[in-house]
Amino acid sequence: MADYETNSLVFPASKEYLGETLSQLRQYVTEVAERAGLEKATMHRLRLAIDEIATNIIVYGYADRGEGEIRVTTSIDDEFVTISLEDTGIPFDPTQREMPDNFDDPLEEREIGGLGIYLAINGVDDFRYERVGECNRNHFTVRR
């Protein structure tokens, strides 16, 4: 059982509010990390992961509709912090994205895309995606 759970928070998911939404999400993750006593490096990895996936939700998930929302929930227990993002954008499972394999190539020779998702998924202790009905759910878990 979680020691702490938030009620859902909702942020706008439109390109018009991209900067504001990402700023608010970063602040929220920082507050959660501080409440949970996470080390700074862990907090930064968690913020980077959430920032990357939230950006993809906003820029691509609602591209056909223009806007939507991202619902955020958090669970903190003795061992873990889990932050979940839920959206009703187009189905997108980041774990199915082909991960870059050209890390040794110079930047100017690499194809654009994929690195941010790779860093997001591998920057947390556990990342899970699920599609439930019309909702994408991205779960980010780090050890306390």
N, C-alpha and C. Protein backbone atom coordinates (compact mmCIF):
# COMPACT_ATOMS: atom_id res chain seq x y z
N MET A 1 0.84 -1.18 0.00
CA MET A 1 0.00 0.00 0.00
C MET A 1 0.89 1.24 0.00
N ALA A 2 0.46 2.23 -0.74
CA ALA A 2 1.24 3.45 -0.86
C ALA A 2 1.12 4.29 0.40
N ASP A 3 2.24 4.90 0.77
CA ASP A 3 2.25 5.84 1.88
C ASP A 3 1.62 7.16 1.46
N TYR A 4 1.71 7.45 0.17
CA TYR A 4 1.22 8.73 -0.33
C TYR A 4 0.72 8.54 -1.75
N GLU A 5 -0.44 9.04 -2.04
CA GLU A 5 -0.97 9.05 -3.40
C GLU A 5 -1.62 10.40 -3.64
N THR A 6 -1.41 10.92 -4.85
CA THR A 6 -2.06 12.18 -5.18
C THR A 6 -3.41 11.91 -5.81
N ASN A 7 -4.27 12.88 -5.71
CA ASN A 7 -5.42 12.87 -6.59
C ASN A 7 -4.86 13.22 -7.95
N SER A 8 -5.60 12.95 -8.99
CA SER A 8 -5.12 13.26 -10.32
C SER A 8 -4.99 14.76 -10.51
N LEU A 9 -3.90 15.16 -11.11
CA LEU A 9 -3.70 16.53 -11.56
C LEU A 9 -3.82 16.52 -13.07
N VAL A 10 -4.35 17.58 -13.64
CA VAL A 10 -4.55 17.62 -15.08
C VAL A 10 -3.83 18.84 -15.65
N PHE A 11 -3.07 18.60 -16.72
CA PHE A 11 -2.34 19.65 -17.40
C PHE A 11 -2.79 19.70 -18.86
N PRO A 12 -2.85 20.90 -19.46
CA PRO A 12 -3.23 20.98 -20.87
C PRO A 12 -2.16 20.34 -21.75
N ALA A 13 -2.61 19.64 -22.78
CA ALA A 13 -1.69 18.99 -23.72
C ALA A 13 -1.93 19.59 -25.11
N SER A 14 -1.47 20.81 -25.27
CA SER A 14 -1.55 21.45 -26.58
C SER A 14 -0.25 22.19 -26.82
N LYS A 15 0.12 22.30 -28.10
CA LYS A 15 1.36 22.98 -28.44
C LYS A 15 1.36 24.41 -27.94
N GLU A 16 0.20 25.02 -27.89
CA GLU A 16 0.08 26.40 -27.42
C GLU A 16 0.58 26.55 -25.98
N TYR A 17 0.37 25.52 -25.16
CA TYR A 17 0.75 25.57 -23.74
C TYR A 17 1.93 24.66 -23.43
N LEU A 18 2.68 24.23 -24.44
CA LEU A 18 3.77 23.28 -24.25
C LEU A 18 4.75 23.73 -23.16
N GLY A 19 5.28 24.93 -23.28
CA GLY A 19 6.26 25.42 -22.31
C GLY A 19 5.70 25.50 -20.91
N GLU A 20 4.48 26.00 -20.79
CA GLU A 20 3.85 26.15 -19.48
C GLU A 20 3.58 24.78 -18.84
N THR A 21 3.05 23.86 -19.64
CA THR A 21 2.76 22.52 -19.12
C THR A 21 4.04 21.83 -18.67
N LEU A 22 5.09 21.87 -19.50
CA LEU A 22 6.34 21.22 -19.14
C LEU A 22 6.95 21.85 -17.90
N SER A 23 6.88 23.16 -17.79
CA SER A 23 7.39 23.84 -16.60
C SER A 23 6.63 23.40 -15.34
N GLN A 24 5.32 23.32 -15.43
CA GLN A 24 4.51 22.89 -14.28
C GLN A 24 4.79 21.44 -13.92
N LEU A 25 4.96 20.58 -14.94
CA LEU A 25 5.30 19.18 -14.68
C LEU A 25 6.66 19.06 -14.00
N ARG A 26 7.65 19.83 -14.47
CA ARG A 26 8.98 19.80 -13.86
C ARG A 26 8.90 20.22 -12.39
N GLN A 27 8.14 21.27 -12.12
CA GLN A 27 7.99 21.74 -10.74
C GLN A 27 7.30 20.67 -9.89
N TYR A 28 6.28 20.05 -10.45
CA TYR A 28 5.56 19.00 -9.73
C TYR A 28 6.50 17.83 -9.41
N VAL A 29 7.28 17.37 -10.39
CA VAL A 29 8.20 16.25 -10.17
C VAL A 29 9.24 16.63 -9.12
N THR A 30 9.72 17.86 -9.16
CA THR A 30 10.69 18.32 -8.16
C THR A 30 10.08 18.25 -6.76
N GLU A 31 8.85 18.71 -6.61
CA GLU A 31 8.18 18.67 -5.30
C GLU A 31 7.99 17.24 -4.82
N VAL A 32 7.58 16.34 -5.72
CA VAL A 32 7.41 14.93 -5.35
C VAL A 32 8.75 14.34 -4.93
N ALA A 33 9.80 14.62 -5.70
CA ALA A 33 11.13 14.08 -5.41
C ALA A 33 11.63 14.56 -4.06
N GLU A 34 11.41 15.83 -3.77
CA GLU A 34 11.84 16.36 -2.47
C GLU A 34 11.05 15.73 -1.34
N ARG A 35 9.73 15.58 -1.52
CA ARG A 35 8.89 14.96 -0.50
C ARG A 35 9.34 13.53 -0.23
N ALA A 36 9.76 12.83 -1.29
CA ALA A 36 10.17 11.43 -1.16
C ALA A 36 11.63 11.28 -0.75
N GLY A 37 12.37 12.39 -0.70
CA GLY A 37 13.77 12.32 -0.31
C GLY A 37 14.67 11.70 -1.38
N LEU A 38 14.31 11.87 -2.65
CA LEU A 38 15.13 11.31 -3.73
C LEU A 38 16.45 12.07 -3.84
N GLU A 39 17.48 11.35 -4.23
CA GLU A 39 18.76 12.00 -4.51
C GLU A 39 18.59 12.87 -5.75
N LYS A 40 19.42 13.92 -5.83
CA LYS A 40 19.30 14.86 -6.96
C LYS A 40 19.44 14.17 -8.31
N ALA A 41 20.37 13.24 -8.44
CA ALA A 41 20.56 12.55 -9.72
C ALA A 41 19.31 11.77 -10.11
N THR A 42 18.69 11.12 -9.14
CA THR A 42 17.46 10.36 -9.41
C THR A 42 16.34 11.31 -9.80
N MET A 43 16.24 12.44 -9.11
CA MET A 43 15.22 13.43 -9.45
C MET A 43 15.42 13.93 -10.87
N HIS A 44 16.64 14.20 -11.26
CA HIS A 44 16.90 14.71 -12.61
C HIS A 44 16.55 13.67 -13.68
N ARG A 45 16.88 12.41 -13.42
CA ARG A 45 16.53 11.35 -14.37
C ARG A 45 15.03 11.21 -14.51
N LEU A 46 14.31 11.29 -13.39
CA LEU A 46 12.86 11.19 -13.41
C LEU A 46 12.25 12.37 -14.16
N ARG A 47 12.75 13.56 -13.89
CA ARG A 47 12.24 14.76 -14.59
C ARG A 47 12.49 14.66 -16.09
N LEU A 48 13.69 14.22 -16.48
CA LEU A 48 14.02 14.08 -17.90
C LEU A 48 13.08 13.09 -18.57
N ALA A 49 12.84 11.96 -17.93
CA ALA A 49 11.98 10.93 -18.51
C ALA A 49 10.56 11.46 -18.69
N ILE A 50 10.02 12.09 -17.68
CA ILE A 50 8.65 12.60 -17.76
C ILE A 50 8.57 13.74 -18.77
N ASP A 51 9.57 14.59 -18.80
CA ASP A 51 9.61 15.70 -19.75
C ASP A 51 9.58 15.17 -21.19
N GLU A 52 10.36 14.15 -21.47
CA GLU A 52 10.44 13.60 -22.82
C GLU A 52 9.12 12.98 -23.26
N ILE A 53 8.54 12.14 -22.42
CA ILE A 53 7.29 11.48 -22.79
C ILE A 53 6.15 12.49 -22.85
N ALA A 54 6.09 13.44 -21.93
CA ALA A 54 5.05 14.47 -21.98
C ALA A 54 5.17 15.30 -23.25
N THR A 55 6.38 15.63 -23.65
CA THR A 55 6.58 16.38 -24.89
C THR A 55 6.04 15.59 -26.08
N ASN A 56 6.33 14.30 -26.12
CA ASN A 56 5.82 13.47 -27.21
C ASN A 56 4.30 13.40 -27.20
N ILE A 57 3.70 13.31 -26.02
CA ILE A 57 2.24 13.29 -25.91
C ILE A 57 1.67 14.57 -26.50
N ILE A 58 2.22 15.71 -26.11
CA ILE A 58 1.70 17.00 -26.54
C ILE A 58 1.92 17.22 -28.04
N VAL A 59 3.13 16.95 -28.52
CA VAL A 59 3.46 17.26 -29.90
C VAL A 59 2.86 16.26 -30.89
N TYR A 60 2.84 14.97 -30.53
CA TYR A 60 2.38 13.95 -31.47
C TYR A 60 1.05 13.30 -31.09
N GLY A 61 0.80 13.15 -29.81
CA GLY A 61 -0.39 12.42 -29.37
C GLY A 61 -1.69 13.09 -29.72
N TYR A 62 -1.67 14.40 -29.77
CA TYR A 62 -2.88 15.15 -30.08
C TYR A 62 -2.76 15.92 -31.39
N ALA A 63 -1.82 15.51 -32.23
CA ALA A 63 -1.58 16.22 -33.48
C ALA A 63 -2.83 16.31 -34.35
N ASP A 64 -3.64 15.27 -34.33
CA ASP A 64 -4.86 15.27 -35.17
C ASP A 64 -6.00 16.05 -34.53
N ARG A 65 -5.89 16.39 -33.25
CA ARG A 65 -6.97 17.09 -32.54
C ARG A 65 -6.59 18.49 -32.09
N GLY A 66 -5.31 18.76 -32.00
CA GLY A 66 -4.86 20.08 -31.59
C GLY A 66 -4.63 20.22 -30.10
N GLU A 67 -5.48 19.60 -29.28
CA GLU A 67 -5.27 19.72 -27.85
C GLU A 67 -5.96 18.59 -27.10
N GLY A 68 -5.52 18.41 -25.89
CA GLY A 68 -6.09 17.40 -25.00
C GLY A 68 -5.59 17.69 -23.61
N GLU A 69 -5.40 16.63 -22.83
CA GLU A 69 -4.88 16.82 -21.48
C GLU A 69 -4.05 15.63 -21.07
N ILE A 70 -3.20 15.89 -20.08
CA ILE A 70 -2.37 14.85 -19.47
C ILE A 70 -2.78 14.79 -18.00
N ARG A 71 -3.17 13.62 -17.57
CA ARG A 71 -3.53 13.40 -16.17
C ARG A 71 -2.33 12.76 -15.48
N VAL A 72 -1.96 13.29 -14.32
CA VAL A 72 -0.78 12.83 -13.59
C VAL A 72 -1.20 12.32 -12.22
N THR A 73 -0.71 11.13 -11.87
CA THR A 73 -0.92 10.59 -10.53
C THR A 73 0.43 10.12 -9.99
N THR A 74 0.54 10.10 -8.67
CA THR A 74 1.79 9.72 -8.02
C THR A 74 1.50 8.78 -6.86
N SER A 75 2.40 7.83 -6.70
CA SER A 75 2.34 6.92 -5.56
C SER A 75 3.74 6.84 -4.97
N ILE A 76 3.82 7.00 -3.66
CA ILE A 76 5.10 6.91 -2.94
C ILE A 76 4.93 5.90 -1.82
N ASP A 77 5.83 4.91 -1.78
CA ASP A 77 5.83 4.00 -0.65
C ASP A 77 7.24 3.93 -0.08
N ASP A 78 7.50 2.98 0.78
CA ASP A 78 8.80 2.91 1.44
C ASP A 78 9.96 2.71 0.47
N GLU A 79 9.71 2.05 -0.65
CA GLU A 79 10.78 1.72 -1.58
C GLU A 79 10.78 2.50 -2.88
N PHE A 80 9.60 2.89 -3.36
CA PHE A 80 9.51 3.42 -4.71
C PHE A 80 8.66 4.69 -4.80
N VAL A 81 8.95 5.45 -5.84
CA VAL A 81 8.11 6.57 -6.27
C VAL A 81 7.67 6.24 -7.69
N THR A 82 6.37 6.29 -7.93
CA THR A 82 5.85 6.06 -9.27
C THR A 82 5.00 7.26 -9.67
N ILE A 83 5.33 7.82 -10.81
CA ILE A 83 4.53 8.89 -11.40
C ILE A 83 3.98 8.36 -12.71
N SER A 84 2.67 8.52 -12.90
CA SER A 84 2.01 8.02 -14.10
C SER A 84 1.41 9.18 -14.88
N LEU A 85 1.59 9.13 -16.20
CA LEU A 85 0.98 10.07 -17.11
C LEU A 85 -0.08 9.33 -17.92
N GLU A 86 -1.26 9.90 -18.00
CA GLU A 86 -2.35 9.29 -18.77
C GLU A 86 -2.87 10.32 -19.77
N ASP A 87 -3.08 9.86 -21.00
CA ASP A 87 -3.62 10.74 -22.03
C ASP A 87 -4.53 9.94 -22.95
N THR A 88 -5.35 10.64 -23.71
CA THR A 88 -6.26 9.99 -24.66
C THR A 88 -5.86 10.32 -26.09
N GLY A 89 -4.59 10.61 -26.29
CA GLY A 89 -4.07 10.85 -27.63
C GLY A 89 -3.99 9.55 -28.42
N ILE A 90 -3.39 9.63 -29.60
CA ILE A 90 -3.26 8.43 -30.42
C ILE A 90 -2.46 7.38 -29.65
N PRO A 91 -2.74 6.11 -29.86
CA PRO A 91 -1.98 5.06 -29.17
C PRO A 91 -0.49 5.16 -29.50
N PHE A 92 0.34 5.18 -28.48
CA PHE A 92 1.78 5.21 -28.68
C PHE A 92 2.48 4.55 -27.52
N ASP A 93 3.13 3.43 -27.80
CA ASP A 93 3.88 2.68 -26.80
C ASP A 93 5.36 2.98 -26.99
N PRO A 94 5.96 3.78 -26.13
CA PRO A 94 7.37 4.13 -26.28
C PRO A 94 8.30 2.92 -26.27
N THR A 95 7.89 1.83 -25.63
CA THR A 95 8.76 0.65 -25.59
C THR A 95 8.83 -0.05 -26.94
N GLN A 96 7.92 0.28 -27.84
CA GLN A 96 7.93 -0.33 -29.17
C GLN A 96 8.71 0.51 -30.18
N ARG A 97 9.17 1.67 -29.75
CA ARG A 97 9.96 2.55 -30.61
C ARG A 97 11.33 1.93 -30.80
N GLU A 98 11.80 1.90 -32.03
CA GLU A 98 13.12 1.36 -32.30
C GLU A 98 14.17 2.25 -31.64
N MET A 99 14.99 1.65 -30.82
CA MET A 99 15.98 2.40 -30.08
C MET A 99 17.22 2.63 -30.96
N PRO A 100 17.86 3.78 -30.81
CA PRO A 100 19.04 4.06 -31.63
C PRO A 100 20.16 3.07 -31.32
N ASP A 101 20.89 2.71 -32.37
CA ASP A 101 22.01 1.79 -32.17
C ASP A 101 23.31 2.40 -32.69
N ASN A 102 23.27 3.70 -32.97
CA ASN A 102 24.44 4.36 -33.56
C ASN A 102 25.05 5.39 -32.60
N PHE A 103 25.19 5.02 -31.34
CA PHE A 103 25.71 5.94 -30.34
C PHE A 103 27.14 6.39 -30.63
N ASP A 104 27.88 5.58 -31.36
CA ASP A 104 29.28 5.92 -31.64
C ASP A 104 29.44 6.81 -32.87
N ASP A 105 28.36 6.98 -33.64
CA ASP A 105 28.43 7.83 -34.83
C ASP A 105 28.45 9.31 -34.42
N PRO A 106 29.11 10.14 -35.20
CA PRO A 106 29.06 11.58 -34.92
C PRO A 106 27.62 12.09 -34.99
N LEU A 107 27.30 13.10 -34.19
CA LEU A 107 25.94 13.63 -34.14
C LEU A 107 25.40 14.00 -35.51
N GLU A 108 26.23 14.62 -36.34
CA GLU A 108 25.75 15.06 -37.66
C GLU A 108 25.42 13.90 -38.60
N GLU A 109 25.81 12.68 -38.26
CA GLU A 109 25.52 11.52 -39.10
C GLU A 109 24.34 10.69 -38.59
N ARG A 110 23.86 10.99 -37.41
CA ARG A 110 22.75 10.23 -36.84
C ARG A 110 21.42 10.72 -37.38
N GLU A 111 20.47 9.79 -37.46
CA GLU A 111 19.11 10.18 -37.81
C GLU A 111 18.47 10.86 -36.61
N ILE A 112 17.57 11.80 -36.87
CA ILE A 112 16.89 12.51 -35.80
C ILE A 112 15.81 11.60 -35.23
N GLY A 113 15.69 11.62 -33.91
CA GLY A 113 14.61 10.89 -33.24
C GLY A 113 15.07 9.63 -32.54
N GLY A 114 14.37 9.31 -31.47
CA GLY A 114 14.58 8.06 -30.76
C GLY A 114 15.46 8.16 -29.53
N LEU A 115 16.42 9.09 -29.52
CA LEU A 115 17.35 9.15 -28.41
C LEU A 115 16.65 9.59 -27.12
N GLY A 116 15.76 10.57 -27.20
CA GLY A 116 15.05 11.05 -26.01
C GLY A 116 14.22 9.96 -25.36
N ILE A 117 13.51 9.19 -26.18
CA ILE A 117 12.70 8.10 -25.64
C ILE A 117 13.60 7.03 -25.02
N TYR A 118 14.70 6.73 -25.67
CA TYR A 118 15.67 5.76 -25.13
C TYR A 118 16.15 6.22 -23.76
N LEU A 119 16.54 7.49 -23.65
CA LEU A 119 17.02 8.02 -22.36
C LEU A 119 15.92 8.01 -21.32
N ALA A 120 14.69 8.33 -21.72
CA ALA A 120 13.56 8.34 -20.79
C ALA A 120 13.32 6.95 -20.21
N ILE A 121 13.23 5.97 -21.07
CA ILE A 121 12.93 4.61 -20.63
C ILE A 121 14.06 4.02 -19.80
N ASN A 122 15.28 4.30 -20.19
CA ASN A 122 16.43 3.73 -19.49
C ASN A 122 16.91 4.57 -18.32
N GLY A 123 16.34 5.76 -18.14
CA GLY A 123 16.75 6.64 -17.06
C GLY A 123 16.02 6.41 -15.74
N VAL A 124 14.98 5.60 -15.79
CA VAL A 124 14.24 5.27 -14.57
C VAL A 124 14.44 3.79 -14.25
N ASP A 125 14.12 3.41 -13.02
CA ASP A 125 14.33 2.02 -12.63
C ASP A 125 13.34 1.07 -13.29
N ASP A 126 12.13 1.58 -13.56
CA ASP A 126 11.13 0.76 -14.26
C ASP A 126 10.23 1.69 -15.05
N PHE A 127 9.99 1.32 -16.30
CA PHE A 127 9.06 2.06 -17.15
C PHE A 127 8.07 1.06 -17.70
N ARG A 128 6.79 1.38 -17.58
CA ARG A 128 5.74 0.52 -18.14
C ARG A 128 4.77 1.37 -18.93
N TYR A 129 4.32 0.81 -20.03
CA TYR A 129 3.27 1.44 -20.84
C TYR A 129 2.10 0.47 -20.91
N GLU A 130 0.90 1.03 -20.88
CA GLU A 130 -0.28 0.21 -21.12
C GLU A 130 -1.32 1.06 -21.84
N ARG A 131 -2.11 0.40 -22.64
CA ARG A 131 -3.25 1.04 -23.31
C ARG A 131 -4.48 0.44 -22.69
N VAL A 132 -5.29 1.27 -22.04
CA VAL A 132 -6.51 0.83 -21.38
C VAL A 132 -7.66 1.62 -22.00
N GLY A 133 -8.49 0.92 -22.75
CA GLY A 133 -9.57 1.60 -23.46
C GLY A 133 -9.00 2.63 -24.40
N GLU A 134 -9.37 3.88 -24.20
CA GLU A 134 -8.88 4.97 -25.04
C GLU A 134 -7.69 5.70 -24.43
N CYS A 135 -7.12 5.16 -23.36
CA CYS A 135 -6.06 5.86 -22.63
C CYS A 135 -4.69 5.21 -22.80
N ASN A 136 -3.69 6.06 -23.02
CA ASN A 136 -2.29 5.67 -22.91
C ASN A 136 -1.89 5.91 -21.47
N ARG A 137 -1.20 4.97 -20.86
CA ARG A 137 -0.69 5.15 -19.51
C ARG A 137 0.80 4.83 -19.50
N ASN A 138 1.59 5.82 -19.09
CA ASN A 138 3.03 5.69 -18.97
C ASN A 138 3.39 5.78 -17.50
N HIS A 139 4.02 4.73 -16.97
CA HIS A 139 4.35 4.65 -15.55
C HIS A 139 5.87 4.70 -15.38
N PHE A 140 6.36 5.65 -14.60
CA PHE A 140 7.78 5.86 -14.33
C PHE A 140 8.03 5.56 -12.86
N THR A 141 8.91 4.60 -12.58
CA THR A 141 9.20 4.23 -11.20
C THR A 141 10.69 4.36 -10.92
N VAL A 142 10.99 4.98 -9.78
CA VAL A 142 12.38 5.07 -9.30
C VAL A 142 12.43 4.58 -7.86
N ARG A 143 13.58 4.04 -7.53
CA ARG A 143 13.82 3.56 -6.17
C ARG A 143 14.18 4.74 -5.28
N ARG A 144 13.63 4.73 -4.08
CA ARG A 144 13.92 5.81 -3.10
C ARG A 144 15.28 5.62 -2.48
